């Protein structure tokens, strides 16, 4: 079964919306190598429509311009690009197609297709959320930027069930960005949620307990 790897630029307070407004001061060769190792090495990329539109509006021109990022742009163009949307889409960027049918069923079938390379994702937050909830994302690659954006969509919205993850690797870039790779636990490996026993402390007991932890009330 092929793996799905989802990569996102994320702020310290969890914001993933509009990274073009806060991300670029932290971009360096280390981050470029991390992105290229996942997105640039994939032969299949799964997009949400908005993220696809932003890529399609930039990378074909960069490939044609033949600049320093032309090789990466060519790799994106050569990859199979599958776009998730409820609207009927038309494409001008080569090797692009629209995902057909139910998202979860179609992505499960995609993972079961033959192949040795990973299926990559970039951005596409709404799609990533749904696939995380369905436990179809194998690796979550988070480039955590040392900035609190303080507004905008966050990666994890409110939901009924927690999404347990396990840390696979971590790296600190010179800019202070953290490159964190998490794996998603299977349902069988997920530890049960425990409800703590209720305790009733008197006001004086609560004050003593808090002060022992170095806090004041």
Protein backbone atom coordinates (compact mmCIF):
# COMPACT_ATOMS: atom_id res chain seq x y z
CA UNK A 1 0.00 0.00 0.00
CA UNK A 2 1.31 3.44 -0.91
CA UNK A 3 1.83 6.07 1.76
CA UNK A 4 0.25 9.51 1.85
CA UNK A 5 2.49 12.29 3.17
CA UNK A 6 0.92 15.67 3.93
CA UNK A 7 3.20 18.69 4.21
CA UNK A 8 2.16 22.05 5.64
CA UNK A 9 3.69 25.36 6.64
CA UNK A 10 2.33 26.08 10.11
CA UNK A 11 2.80 28.87 12.64
CA UNK A 12 3.62 28.40 16.30
CA UNK A 13 -0.05 28.94 17.18
CA UNK A 14 -1.26 26.39 14.64
CA UNK A 15 -2.29 28.67 11.76
CA UNK A 16 -1.96 27.20 8.26
CA UNK A 17 -3.93 29.80 6.30
CA UNK A 18 -2.24 32.20 3.86
CA UNK A 19 1.39 31.18 4.54
CA UNK A 20 2.43 33.55 1.74
CA UNK A 21 1.82 36.37 4.24
CA UNK A 22 4.22 35.10 6.94
CA UNK A 23 6.26 32.19 5.64
CA UNK A 24 8.87 33.61 3.25
CA UNK A 25 11.26 35.27 5.76
CA UNK A 26 12.00 31.77 7.09
CA UNK A 27 12.61 30.05 3.76
CA UNK A 28 16.19 28.83 3.28
CA UNK A 29 18.13 25.96 1.71
CA UNK A 30 17.22 23.62 4.58
CA UNK A 31 13.52 24.16 4.06
CA UNK A 32 13.90 23.88 0.29
CA UNK A 33 15.57 20.49 0.72
CA UNK A 34 12.81 19.30 3.08
CA UNK A 35 10.06 20.29 0.65
CA UNK A 36 11.90 18.78 -2.30
CA UNK A 37 12.42 15.50 -0.43
CA UNK A 38 8.66 15.02 -0.12
CA UNK A 39 6.82 17.02 -2.77
CA UNK A 40 9.53 17.06 -5.42
CA UNK A 41 10.15 13.32 -5.16
CA UNK A 42 6.50 12.27 -5.51
CA UNK A 43 5.04 10.94 -8.74
CA UNK A 44 1.47 11.57 -7.51
CA UNK A 45 0.24 14.71 -5.72
CA UNK A 46 -3.19 15.11 -4.15
CA UNK A 47 -4.53 18.67 -4.00
CA UNK A 48 -7.50 20.60 -2.77
CA UNK A 49 -8.81 22.94 -5.44
CA UNK A 50 -7.55 26.21 -3.93
CA UNK A 51 -4.04 24.87 -3.39
CA UNK A 52 -4.01 23.40 -6.90
CA UNK A 53 -5.06 26.74 -8.37
CA UNK A 54 -2.20 28.52 -6.59
CA UNK A 55 0.31 25.95 -7.86
CA UNK A 56 -1.07 25.95 -11.40
CA UNK A 57 -0.91 29.73 -11.45
CA UNK A 58 2.82 29.79 -10.70
CA UNK A 59 4.81 26.64 -11.43
CA UNK A 60 4.18 26.16 -15.17
CA UNK A 61 5.52 29.68 -15.75
CA UNK A 62 8.55 29.00 -13.57
CA UNK A 63 9.30 25.84 -15.52
CA UNK A 64 9.05 27.75 -18.79
CA UNK A 65 11.28 30.56 -17.46
CA UNK A 66 14.10 28.07 -16.83
CA UNK A 67 15.26 29.69 -13.59
CA UNK A 68 16.92 28.12 -10.58
CA UNK A 69 13.71 26.35 -9.54
CA UNK A 70 12.92 25.03 -13.04
CA UNK A 71 13.90 21.45 -12.12
CA UNK A 72 11.47 21.45 -9.19
CA UNK A 73 8.80 23.02 -11.40
CA UNK A 74 9.34 20.30 -14.01
CA UNK A 75 9.01 17.58 -11.36
CA UNK A 76 5.67 19.09 -10.32
CA UNK A 77 4.53 19.24 -13.93
CA UNK A 78 5.54 15.65 -14.63
CA UNK A 79 3.77 14.32 -11.52
CA UNK A 80 0.22 13.03 -11.67
CA UNK A 81 -1.89 15.73 -10.04
CA UNK A 82 -5.27 14.74 -8.59
CA UNK A 83 -7.58 17.54 -7.51
CA UNK A 84 -10.40 17.21 -4.97
CA UNK A 85 -13.37 19.45 -5.73
CA UNK A 86 -17.16 19.37 -5.77
CA UNK A 87 -17.11 21.54 -8.90
CA UNK A 88 -16.46 20.29 -12.41
CA UNK A 89 -12.94 21.43 -13.30
CA UNK A 90 -11.01 22.04 -16.49
CA UNK A 91 -7.22 21.86 -16.57
CA UNK A 92 -4.43 23.43 -18.58
CA UNK A 93 -1.50 22.14 -16.49
CA UNK A 94 -0.37 18.78 -17.83
CA UNK A 95 -1.04 15.51 -15.99
CA UNK A 96 -3.92 17.01 -14.00
CA UNK A 97 -7.19 15.22 -13.29
CA UNK A 98 -10.14 15.47 -10.94
CA UNK A 99 -10.80 12.91 -8.21
CA UNK A 100 -13.99 11.03 -8.96
CA UNK A 101 -16.50 9.74 -6.43
CA UNK A 102 -16.42 9.71 -2.64
CA UNK A 103 -13.21 11.18 -1.19
CA UNK A 104 -12.47 8.44 1.33
CA UNK A 105 -13.27 5.58 -1.03
CA UNK A 106 -11.32 7.14 -3.90
CA UNK A 107 -8.24 7.88 -1.80
CA UNK A 108 -8.31 4.38 -0.31
CA UNK A 109 -8.33 2.98 -3.84
CA UNK A 110 -5.51 5.35 -4.79
CA UNK A 111 -3.37 4.09 -1.92
CA UNK A 112 -3.97 0.52 -3.08
CA UNK A 113 -2.70 1.23 -6.59
CA UNK A 114 0.69 -0.32 -7.44
CA UNK A 115 3.71 1.89 -6.91
CA UNK A 116 6.75 2.40 -4.69
CA UNK A 117 6.66 6.17 -4.27
CA UNK A 118 4.58 8.16 -1.82
CA UNK A 119 1.48 10.18 -2.64
CA UNK A 120 2.28 13.72 -1.54
CA UNK A 121 0.03 16.54 -0.38
CA UNK A 122 0.82 20.22 0.10
CA UNK A 123 -1.48 22.57 1.94
CA UNK A 124 -5.05 21.52 1.05
CA UNK A 125 -6.10 21.82 4.68
CA UNK A 126 -9.75 20.78 4.34
CA UNK A 127 -8.73 17.61 2.50
CA UNK A 128 -5.95 16.83 4.99
CA UNK A 129 -8.43 17.17 7.87
CA UNK A 130 -10.81 14.65 6.32
CA UNK A 131 -8.06 12.17 5.51
CA UNK A 132 -6.57 12.49 9.00
CA UNK A 133 -9.98 11.77 10.51
CA UNK A 134 -10.26 8.71 8.26
CA UNK A 135 -6.70 7.65 9.22
CA UNK A 136 -5.53 7.72 5.62
CA UNK A 137 -2.58 10.10 6.15
CA UNK A 138 0.52 8.08 6.96
CA UNK A 139 2.93 10.94 7.64
CA UNK A 140 2.26 14.56 8.62
CA UNK A 141 5.21 16.83 7.77
CA UNK A 142 4.92 20.10 9.70
CA UNK A 143 7.32 22.99 9.16
CA UNK A 144 6.63 24.93 12.34
CA UNK A 145 7.56 28.60 11.96
CA UNK A 146 8.61 30.64 15.03
CA UNK A 147 5.83 33.16 14.66
CA UNK A 148 2.37 33.52 16.22
CA UNK A 149 0.10 34.63 13.38
CA UNK A 150 -2.89 35.00 15.74
CA UNK A 151 -5.58 34.80 13.08
CA UNK A 152 -6.64 32.45 10.32
CA UNK A 153 -7.55 28.80 9.85
CA UNK A 154 -5.75 26.32 12.06
CA UNK A 155 -4.81 22.79 11.08
CA UNK A 156 -7.00 21.04 13.63
CA UNK A 157 -10.59 22.12 14.06
CA UNK A 158 -12.96 21.03 16.79
CA UNK A 159 -14.14 17.44 16.60
CA UNK A 160 -15.47 14.56 18.62
CA UNK A 161 -12.46 12.27 18.50
CA UNK A 162 -8.78 12.97 19.19
CA UNK A 163 -6.20 12.20 16.50
CA UNK A 164 -3.19 10.52 18.16
CA UNK A 165 0.17 10.90 16.42
CA UNK A 166 3.67 9.59 17.02
CA UNK A 167 6.84 11.59 16.38
CA UNK A 168 9.02 10.03 13.66
CA UNK A 169 11.71 12.69 13.34
CA UNK A 170 12.54 16.26 14.27
CA UNK A 171 15.06 18.79 13.02
CA UNK A 172 15.75 22.44 13.84
CA UNK A 173 16.68 24.76 10.98
CA UNK A 174 19.00 27.76 11.36
CA UNK A 175 15.96 30.06 11.06
CA UNK A 176 14.35 28.47 14.12
CA UNK A 177 11.84 26.51 12.02
CA UNK A 178 11.12 23.02 13.33
CA UNK A 179 10.80 20.23 10.77
CA UNK A 180 8.54 17.72 12.52
CA UNK A 181 7.39 14.46 10.96
CA UNK A 182 4.55 12.61 12.66
CA UNK A 183 3.04 9.24 11.89
CA UNK A 184 -0.60 8.47 12.49
CA UNK A 185 -1.39 5.62 14.85
CA UNK A 186 -3.76 2.90 13.75
CA UNK A 187 -6.99 2.50 15.65
CA UNK A 188 -5.68 -0.69 17.23
CA UNK A 189 -2.58 1.13 18.51
CA UNK A 190 -4.45 4.13 19.90
CA UNK A 191 -4.29 4.19 23.71
CA UNK A 192 -7.68 4.44 25.40
CA UNK A 193 -8.71 7.81 26.80
CA UNK A 194 -8.82 7.72 30.57
CA UNK A 195 -11.06 9.90 32.68
CA UNK A 196 -9.19 11.11 35.76
CA UNK A 197 -10.72 10.31 39.09
CA UNK A 198 -12.53 13.22 40.64
CA UNK A 199 -10.90 14.63 43.73
CA UNK A 200 -12.30 17.23 46.06
CA UNK A 201 -9.79 19.51 47.75
CA UNK A 202 -10.47 22.22 50.25
CA UNK A 203 -9.43 25.76 49.26
CA UNK A 204 -6.35 25.52 51.51
CA UNK A 205 -5.38 22.16 50.03
CA UNK A 206 -5.71 23.51 46.48
CA UNK A 207 -3.57 26.51 47.36
CA UNK A 208 -0.88 24.27 48.88
CA UNK A 209 -0.87 21.97 45.83
CA UNK A 210 -0.52 24.87 43.41
CA UNK A 211 2.22 26.57 45.42
CA UNK A 212 4.20 23.32 45.52
CA UNK A 213 4.34 23.52 41.73
CA UNK A 214 5.88 26.98 41.89
CA UNK A 215 2.71 28.89 41.11
CA UNK A 216 0.66 31.36 43.06
CA UNK A 217 -3.08 31.90 43.23
